[in-house]
PDB file of all heavy atoms in Angstrom:
ATOM      1  N   ALA A   1      -4.846  -8.619  -7.042  1.00  0.00           N
ATOM      2  CA  ALA A   1      -5.776  -8.734  -8.166  1.00  0.00           C
ATOM      3  C   ALA A   1      -6.419 -10.124  -8.207  1.00  0.00           C
ATOM      4  O   ALA A   1      -7.617 -10.255  -8.476  1.00  0.00           O
ATOM      5  CB  ALA A   1      -5.059  -8.437  -9.477  1.00  0.00           C
ATOM      6  N   PHE A   2      -5.640 -11.160  -7.945  1.00  0.00           N
ATOM      7  CA  PHE A   2      -6.198 -12.512  -7.951  1.00  0.00           C
ATOM      8  C   PHE A   2      -7.217 -12.678  -6.833  1.00  0.00           C
ATOM      9  O   PHE A   2      -8.292 -13.250  -7.042  1.00  0.00           O
ATOM     10  CB  PHE A   2      -5.100 -13.573  -7.830  1.00  0.00           C
ATOM     11  CG  PHE A   2      -5.647 -14.964  -7.958  1.00  0.00           C
ATOM     12  CD1 PHE A   2      -5.978 -15.472  -9.200  1.00  0.00           C
ATOM     13  CD2 PHE A   2      -5.849 -15.755  -6.840  1.00  0.00           C
ATOM     14  CE1 PHE A   2      -6.510 -16.747  -9.327  1.00  0.00           C
ATOM     15  CE2 PHE A   2      -6.374 -17.026  -6.947  1.00  0.00           C
ATOM     16  CZ  PHE A   2      -6.707 -17.531  -8.201  1.00  0.00           C
ATOM     17  N   ILE A   3      -6.895 -12.158  -5.659  1.00  0.00           N
ATOM     18  CA  ILE A   3      -7.834 -12.239  -4.539  1.00  0.00           C
ATOM     19  C   ILE A   3      -9.131 -11.521  -4.897  1.00  0.00           C
ATOM     20  O   ILE A   3     -10.226 -12.022  -4.652  1.00  0.00           O
ATOM     21  CB  ILE A   3      -7.196 -11.675  -3.256  1.00  0.00           C
ATOM     22  CG1 ILE A   3      -6.115 -12.650  -2.760  1.00  0.00           C
ATOM     23  CG2 ILE A   3      -8.248 -11.412  -2.181  1.00  0.00           C
ATOM     24  CD1 ILE A   3      -5.222 -12.101  -1.666  1.00  0.00           C
ATOM     25  N   LYS A   4      -9.025 -10.357  -5.524  1.00  0.00           N
ATOM     26  CA  LYS A   4     -10.226  -9.629  -5.956  1.00  0.00           C
ATOM     27  C   LYS A   4     -11.039 -10.471  -6.922  1.00  0.00           C
ATOM     28  O   LYS A   4     -12.265 -10.564  -6.808  1.00  0.00           O
ATOM     29  CB  LYS A   4      -9.857  -8.306  -6.611  1.00  0.00           C
ATOM     30  CG  LYS A   4     -11.078  -7.529  -7.101  1.00  0.00           C
ATOM     31  CD  LYS A   4     -10.759  -6.685  -8.320  1.00  0.00           C
ATOM     32  CE  LYS A   4     -11.958  -5.902  -8.782  1.00  0.00           C
ATOM     33  NZ  LYS A   4     -12.647  -6.513  -9.911  1.00  0.00           N
ATOM     34  N   MET A   5     -10.380 -11.125  -7.885  1.00  0.00           N
ATOM     35  CA  MET A   5     -11.108 -11.934  -8.864  1.00  0.00           C
ATOM     36  C   MET A   5     -11.861 -13.083  -8.196  1.00  0.00           C
ATOM     37  O   MET A   5     -13.008 -13.364  -8.553  1.00  0.00           O
ATOM     38  CB  MET A   5     -10.151 -12.482  -9.924  1.00  0.00           C
ATOM     39  CG  MET A   5      -9.644 -11.428 -10.881  1.00  0.00           C
ATOM     40  SD  MET A   5      -8.718 -12.101 -12.276  1.00  0.00           S
ATOM     41  CE  MET A   5      -7.225 -12.652 -11.487  1.00  0.00           C
ATOM     42  N   VAL A   6     -11.236 -13.737  -7.239  1.00  0.00           N
ATOM     43  CA  VAL A   6     -11.890 -14.855  -6.556  1.00  0.00           C
ATOM     44  C   VAL A   6     -13.076 -14.350  -5.744  1.00  0.00           C
ATOM     45  O   VAL A   6     -14.170 -14.939  -5.790  1.00  0.00           O
ATOM     46  CB  VAL A   6     -10.893 -15.636  -5.677  1.00  0.00           C
ATOM     47  CG1 VAL A   6     -11.605 -16.664  -4.815  1.00  0.00           C
ATOM     48  CG2 VAL A   6      -9.841 -16.315  -6.548  1.00  0.00           C
ATOM     49  N   ILE A   7     -12.891 -13.255  -5.019  1.00  0.00           N
ATOM     50  CA  ILE A   7     -13.984 -12.689  -4.222  1.00  0.00           C
ATOM     51  C   ILE A   7     -15.148 -12.303  -5.129  1.00  0.00           C
ATOM     52  O   ILE A   7     -16.308 -12.588  -4.834  1.00  0.00           O
ATOM     53  CB  ILE A   7     -13.489 -11.473  -3.392  1.00  0.00           C
ATOM     54  CG1 ILE A   7     -12.458 -11.906  -2.350  1.00  0.00           C
ATOM     55  CG2 ILE A   7     -14.652 -10.719  -2.766  1.00  0.00           C
ATOM     56  CD1 ILE A   7     -12.981 -12.809  -1.260  1.00  0.00           C
ATOM     57  N   GLU A   8     -14.856 -11.677  -6.258  1.00  0.00           N
ATOM     58  CA  GLU A   8     -15.901 -11.307  -7.216  1.00  0.00           C
ATOM     59  C   GLU A   8     -16.574 -12.542  -7.794  1.00  0.00           C
ATOM     60  O   GLU A   8     -17.802 -12.585  -7.938  1.00  0.00           O
ATOM     61  CB  GLU A   8     -15.309 -10.453  -8.349  1.00  0.00           C
ATOM     62  CG  GLU A   8     -14.769  -9.114  -7.918  1.00  0.00           C
ATOM     63  CD  GLU A   8     -15.822  -8.026  -7.825  1.00  0.00           C
ATOM     64  OE1 GLU A   8     -16.898  -8.168  -8.432  1.00  0.00           O
ATOM     65  OE2 GLU A   8     -15.555  -7.028  -7.137  1.00  0.00           O
ATOM     66  N   ALA A   9     -15.802 -13.580  -8.136  1.00  0.00           N
ATOM     67  CA  ALA A   9     -16.362 -14.808  -8.692  1.00  0.00           C
ATOM     68  C   ALA A   9     -17.271 -15.516  -7.678  1.00  0.00           C
ATOM     69  O   ALA A   9     -18.201 -16.220  -8.065  1.00  0.00           O
ATOM     70  CB  ALA A   9     -15.243 -15.746  -9.138  1.00  0.00           C
ATOM     71  N   MET A  10     -17.000 -15.307  -6.399  1.00  0.00           N
ATOM     72  CA  MET A  10     -17.835 -15.903  -5.352  1.00  0.00           C
ATOM     73  C   MET A  10     -19.119 -15.106  -5.127  1.00  0.00           C
ATOM     74  O   MET A  10     -19.949 -15.494  -4.316  1.00  0.00           O
ATOM     75  CB  MET A  10     -17.033 -16.011  -4.051  1.00  0.00           C
ATOM     76  CG  MET A  10     -15.905 -17.012  -4.123  1.00  0.00           C
ATOM     77  SD  MET A  10     -14.894 -17.054  -2.622  1.00  0.00           S
ATOM     78  CE  MET A  10     -16.046 -17.805  -1.465  1.00  0.00           C
ATOM     79  N   GLY A  11     -19.275 -13.989  -5.824  1.00  0.00           N
ATOM     80  CA  GLY A  11     -20.513 -13.230  -5.755  1.00  0.00           C
ATOM     81  C   GLY A  11     -20.503 -12.028  -4.834  1.00  0.00           C
ATOM     82  O   GLY A  11     -21.530 -11.380  -4.637  1.00  0.00           O
ATOM     83  N   TYR A  12     -19.352 -11.691  -4.291  1.00  0.00           N
ATOM     84  CA  TYR A  12     -19.262 -10.528  -3.406  1.00  0.00           C
ATOM     85  C   TYR A  12     -19.018  -9.283  -4.239  1.00  0.00           C
ATOM     86  O   TYR A  12     -18.231  -9.293  -5.180  1.00  0.00           O
ATOM     87  CB  TYR A  12     -18.132 -10.705  -2.388  1.00  0.00           C
ATOM     88  CG  TYR A  12     -18.407 -11.811  -1.404  1.00  0.00           C
ATOM     89  CD1 TYR A  12     -18.018 -13.117  -1.675  1.00  0.00           C
ATOM     90  CD2 TYR A  12     -19.070 -11.553  -0.215  1.00  0.00           C
ATOM     91  CE1 TYR A  12     -18.281 -14.141  -0.778  1.00  0.00           C
ATOM     92  CE2 TYR A  12     -19.332 -12.566   0.685  1.00  0.00           C
ATOM     93  CZ  TYR A  12     -18.935 -13.859   0.400  1.00  0.00           C
ATOM     94  OH  TYR A  12     -19.195 -14.870   1.281  1.00  0.00           O
ATOM     95  N   ASP A  13     -19.686  -8.206  -3.883  1.00  0.00           N
ATOM     96  CA  ASP A  13     -19.551  -6.928  -4.581  1.00  0.00           C
ATOM     97  C   ASP A  13     -19.065  -5.906  -3.565  1.00  0.00           C
ATOM     98  O   ASP A  13     -19.861  -5.343  -2.818  1.00  0.00           O
ATOM     99  CB  ASP A  13     -20.891  -6.514  -5.182  1.00  0.00           C
ATOM    100  CG  ASP A  13     -20.792  -5.274  -6.031  1.00  0.00           C
ATOM    101  OD1 ASP A  13     -19.688  -4.970  -6.525  1.00  0.00           O
ATOM    102  OD2 ASP A  13     -21.823  -4.598  -6.206  1.00  0.00           O
ATOM    103  N   LEU A  14     -17.765  -5.699  -3.528  1.00  0.00           N
ATOM    104  CA  LEU A  14     -17.168  -4.838  -2.511  1.00  0.00           C
ATOM    105  C   LEU A  14     -16.704  -3.520  -3.106  1.00  0.00           C
ATOM    106  O   LEU A  14     -16.362  -3.441  -4.286  1.00  0.00           O
ATOM    107  CB  LEU A  14     -15.971  -5.547  -1.862  1.00  0.00           C
ATOM    108  CG  LEU A  14     -16.248  -6.913  -1.236  1.00  0.00           C
ATOM    109  CD1 LEU A  14     -14.949  -7.501  -0.689  1.00  0.00           C
ATOM    110  CD2 LEU A  14     -17.291  -6.813  -0.145  1.00  0.00           C
ATOM    111  N   GLU A  15     -16.659  -2.524  -2.276  1.00  0.00           N
ATOM    112  CA  GLU A  15     -16.104  -1.223  -2.651  1.00  0.00           C
ATOM    113  C   GLU A  15     -14.580  -1.299  -2.569  1.00  0.00           C
ATOM    114  O   GLU A  15     -14.031  -2.041  -1.754  1.00  0.00           O
ATOM    115  CB  GLU A  15     -16.593  -0.141  -1.681  1.00  0.00           C
ATOM    116  CG  GLU A  15     -18.082   0.047  -1.654  1.00  0.00           C
ATOM    117  CD  GLU A  15     -18.569   0.885  -2.818  1.00  0.00           C
ATOM    118  OE1 GLU A  15     -17.824   1.783  -3.256  1.00  0.00           O
ATOM    119  OE2 GLU A  15     -19.685   0.630  -3.285  1.00  0.00           O
ATOM    120  N   HIS A  16     -13.896  -0.508  -3.385  1.00  0.00           N
ATOM    121  CA  HIS A  16     -12.452  -0.385  -3.242  1.00  0.00           C
ATOM    122  C   HIS A  16     -12.139   0.289  -1.914  1.00  0.00           C
ATOM    123  O   HIS A  16     -12.911   1.129  -1.434  1.00  0.00           O
ATOM    124  CB  HIS A  16     -11.855   0.434  -4.386  1.00  0.00           C
ATOM    125  CG  HIS A  16     -11.794  -0.294  -5.682  1.00  0.00           C
ATOM    126  ND1 HIS A  16     -10.989  -1.384  -5.888  1.00  0.00           N
ATOM    127  CD2 HIS A  16     -12.440  -0.098  -6.851  1.00  0.00           C
ATOM    128  CE1 HIS A  16     -11.132  -1.828  -7.120  1.00  0.00           C
ATOM    129  NE2 HIS A  16     -12.021  -1.068  -7.726  1.00  0.00           N
ATOM    130  N   GLY A  17     -11.001  -0.069  -1.332  1.00  0.00           N
ATOM    131  CA  GLY A  17     -10.577   0.534  -0.081  1.00  0.00           C
ATOM    132  C   GLY A  17     -10.189   1.992  -0.259  1.00  0.00           C
ATOM    133  O   GLY A  17      -9.866   2.431  -1.370  1.00  0.00           O
ATOM    134  N   LYS A  18     -10.200   2.728   0.824  1.00  0.00           N
ATOM    135  CA  LYS A  18      -9.864   4.153   0.761  1.00  0.00           C
ATOM    136  C   LYS A  18      -8.365   4.386   0.634  1.00  0.00           C
ATOM    137  O   LYS A  18      -7.925   5.197  -0.172  1.00  0.00           O
ATOM    138  CB  LYS A  18     -10.405   4.864   2.001  1.00  0.00           C
ATOM    139  CG  LYS A  18     -11.907   4.917   2.017  1.00  0.00           C
ATOM    140  CD  LYS A  18     -12.427   5.581   3.263  1.00  0.00           C
ATOM    141  CE  LYS A  18     -13.949   5.567   3.210  1.00  0.00           C
ATOM    142  NZ  LYS A  18     -14.569   5.571   4.490  1.00  0.00           N
ATOM    143  N   ASP A  19      -7.575   3.681   1.432  1.00  0.00           N
ATOM    144  CA  ASP A  19      -6.125   3.875   1.412  1.00  0.00           C
ATOM    145  C   ASP A  19      -5.431   2.960   0.402  1.00  0.00           C
ATOM    146  O   ASP A  19      -4.395   3.320  -0.150  1.00  0.00           O
ATOM    147  CB  ASP A  19      -5.539   3.639   2.809  1.00  0.00           C
ATOM    148  CG  ASP A  19      -6.043   4.657   3.814  1.00  0.00           C
ATOM    149  OD1 ASP A  19      -6.242   5.820   3.427  1.00  0.00           O
ATOM    150  OD2 ASP A  19      -6.235   4.270   4.986  1.00  0.00           O
ATOM    151  N   TYR A  20      -5.997   1.797   0.212  1.00  0.00           N
ATOM    152  CA  TYR A  20      -5.411   0.794  -0.699  1.00  0.00           C
ATOM    153  C   TYR A  20      -6.572   0.080  -1.366  1.00  0.00           C
ATOM    154  O   TYR A  20      -7.434  -0.496  -0.689  1.00  0.00           O
ATOM    155  CB  TYR A  20      -4.534  -0.160   0.115  1.00  0.00           C
ATOM    156  CG  TYR A  20      -4.052  -1.407  -0.586  1.00  0.00           C
ATOM    157  CD1 TYR A  20      -3.517  -1.367  -1.868  1.00  0.00           C
ATOM    158  CD2 TYR A  20      -4.118  -2.632   0.058  1.00  0.00           C
ATOM    159  CE1 TYR A  20      -3.066  -2.517  -2.489  1.00  0.00           C
ATOM    160  CE2 TYR A  20      -3.661  -3.787  -0.552  1.00  0.00           C
ATOM    161  CZ  TYR A  20      -3.148  -3.722  -1.825  1.00  0.00           C
ATOM    162  OH  TYR A  20      -2.707  -4.865  -2.445  1.00  0.00           O
ATOM    163  N   TRP A  21      -6.626   0.111  -2.670  1.00  0.00           N
ATOM    164  CA  TRP A  21      -7.802  -0.353  -3.389  1.00  0.00           C
ATOM    165  C   TRP A  21      -8.230  -1.767  -3.005  1.00  0.00           C
ATOM    166  O   TRP A  21      -9.411  -2.095  -2.991  1.00  0.00           O
ATOM    167  CB  TRP A  21      -7.592  -0.259  -4.902  1.00  0.00           C
ATOM    168  CG  TRP A  21      -6.671  -1.309  -5.464  1.00  0.00           C
ATOM    169  CD1 TRP A  21      -5.327  -1.215  -5.646  1.00  0.00           C
ATOM    170  CD2 TRP A  21      -7.035  -2.626  -5.876  1.00  0.00           C
ATOM    171  NE1 TRP A  21      -4.832  -2.387  -6.148  1.00  0.00           N
ATOM    172  CE2 TRP A  21      -5.860  -3.278  -6.315  1.00  0.00           C
ATOM    173  CE3 TRP A  21      -8.232  -3.325  -5.938  1.00  0.00           C
ATOM    174  CZ2 TRP A  21      -5.848  -4.578  -6.794  1.00  0.00           C
ATOM    175  CZ3 TRP A  21      -8.229  -4.625  -6.417  1.00  0.00           C
ATOM    176  CH2 TRP A  21      -7.042  -5.237  -6.838  1.00  0.00           C
ATOM    177  N   ALA A  22      -7.287  -2.656  -2.658  1.00  0.00           N
ATOM    178  CA  ALA A  22      -7.620  -4.065  -2.423  1.00  0.00           C
ATOM    179  C   ALA A  22      -7.889  -4.413  -0.969  1.00  0.00           C
ATOM    180  O   ALA A  22      -8.195  -5.561  -0.662  1.00  0.00           O
ATOM    181  CB  ALA A  22      -6.496  -4.946  -2.957  1.00  0.00           C
ATOM    182  N   GLU A  23      -7.816  -3.446  -0.059  1.00  0.00           N
ATOM    183  CA  GLU A  23      -7.925  -3.786   1.360  1.00  0.00           C
ATOM    184  C   GLU A  23      -9.236  -4.488   1.707  1.00  0.00           C
ATOM    185  O   GLU A  23      -9.240  -5.435   2.500  1.00  0.00           O
ATOM    186  CB  GLU A  23      -7.695  -2.561   2.245  1.00  0.00           C
ATOM    187  CG  GLU A  23      -8.775  -1.502   2.172  1.00  0.00           C
ATOM    188  CD  GLU A  23      -8.441  -0.268   3.003  1.00  0.00           C
ATOM    189  OE1 GLU A  23      -8.015  -0.414   4.156  1.00  0.00           O
ATOM    190  OE2 GLU A  23      -8.605   0.833   2.469  1.00  0.00           O
ATOM    191  N   ASN A  24     -10.354  -4.083   1.135  1.00  0.00           N
ATOM    192  CA  ASN A  24     -11.632  -4.730   1.449  1.00  0.00           C
ATOM    193  C   ASN A  24     -11.694  -6.162   0.915  1.00  0.00           C
ATOM    194  O   ASN A  24     -12.265  -7.044   1.545  1.00  0.00           O
ATOM    195  CB  ASN A  24     -12.799  -3.904   0.920  1.00  0.00           C
ATOM    196  CG  ASN A  24     -12.923  -2.582   1.643  1.00  0.00           C
ATOM    197  OD1 ASN A  24     -12.489  -2.432   2.778  1.00  0.00           O
ATOM    198  ND2 ASN A  24     -13.503  -1.594   0.983  1.00  0.00           N
ATOM    199  N   TYR A  25     -11.106  -6.387  -0.245  1.00  0.00           N
ATOM    200  CA  TYR A  25     -11.068  -7.739  -0.817  1.00  0.00           C
ATOM    201  C   TYR A  25     -10.179  -8.653   0.032  1.00  0.00           C
ATOM    202  O   TYR A  25     -10.521  -9.806   0.287  1.00  0.00           O
ATOM    203  CB  TYR A  25     -10.566  -7.699  -2.259  1.00  0.00           C
ATOM    204  CG  TYR A  25     -11.451  -6.892  -3.165  1.00  0.00           C
ATOM    205  CD1 TYR A  25     -11.141  -5.576  -3.488  1.00  0.00           C
ATOM    206  CD2 TYR A  25     -12.622  -7.439  -3.692  1.00  0.00           C
ATOM    207  CE1 TYR A  25     -11.960  -4.827  -4.316  1.00  0.00           C
ATOM    208  CE2 TYR A  25     -13.449  -6.700  -4.517  1.00  0.00           C
ATOM    209  CZ  TYR A  25     -13.116  -5.403  -4.821  1.00  0.00           C
ATOM    210  OH  TYR A  25     -13.929  -4.658  -5.633  1.00  0.00           O
ATOM    211  N   ILE A  26      -9.054  -8.130   0.450  1.00  0.00           N
ATOM    212  CA  ILE A  26      -8.134  -8.910   1.283  1.00  0.00           C
ATOM    213  C   ILE A  26      -8.773  -9.220   2.634  1.00  0.00           C
ATOM    214  O   ILE A  26      -8.717 -10.365   3.104  1.00  0.00           O
ATOM    215  CB  ILE A  26      -6.786  -8.166   1.441  1.00  0.00           C
ATOM    216  CG1 ILE A  26      -6.070  -8.124   0.094  1.00  0.00           C
ATOM    217  CG2 ILE A  26      -5.932  -8.810   2.519  1.00  0.00           C
ATOM    218  CD1 ILE A  26      -4.911  -7.154   0.026  1.00  0.00           C
ATOM    219  N   ASN A  27      -9.413  -8.229   3.233  1.00  0.00           N
ATOM    220  CA  ASN A  27     -10.094  -8.459   4.507  1.00  0.00           C
ATOM    221  C   ASN A  27     -11.192  -9.508   4.366  1.00  0.00           C
ATOM    222  O   ASN A  27     -11.368 -10.354   5.244  1.00  0.00           O
ATOM    223  CB  ASN A  27     -10.673  -7.157   5.062  1.00  0.00           C
ATOM    224  CG  ASN A  27      -9.591  -6.185   5.498  1.00  0.00           C
ATOM    225  OD1 ASN A  27      -8.461  -6.578   5.781  1.00  0.00           O
ATOM    226  ND2 ASN A  27      -9.925  -4.909   5.532  1.00  0.00           N
TER     227      ASN A  27
END
């Protein structure tokens, strides 16, 4: 969740992952 917040705060708009919601944010 923290990684998602930082990625979003940096201006990235990513889709949730298919198998694990945070996989795209982590990648």
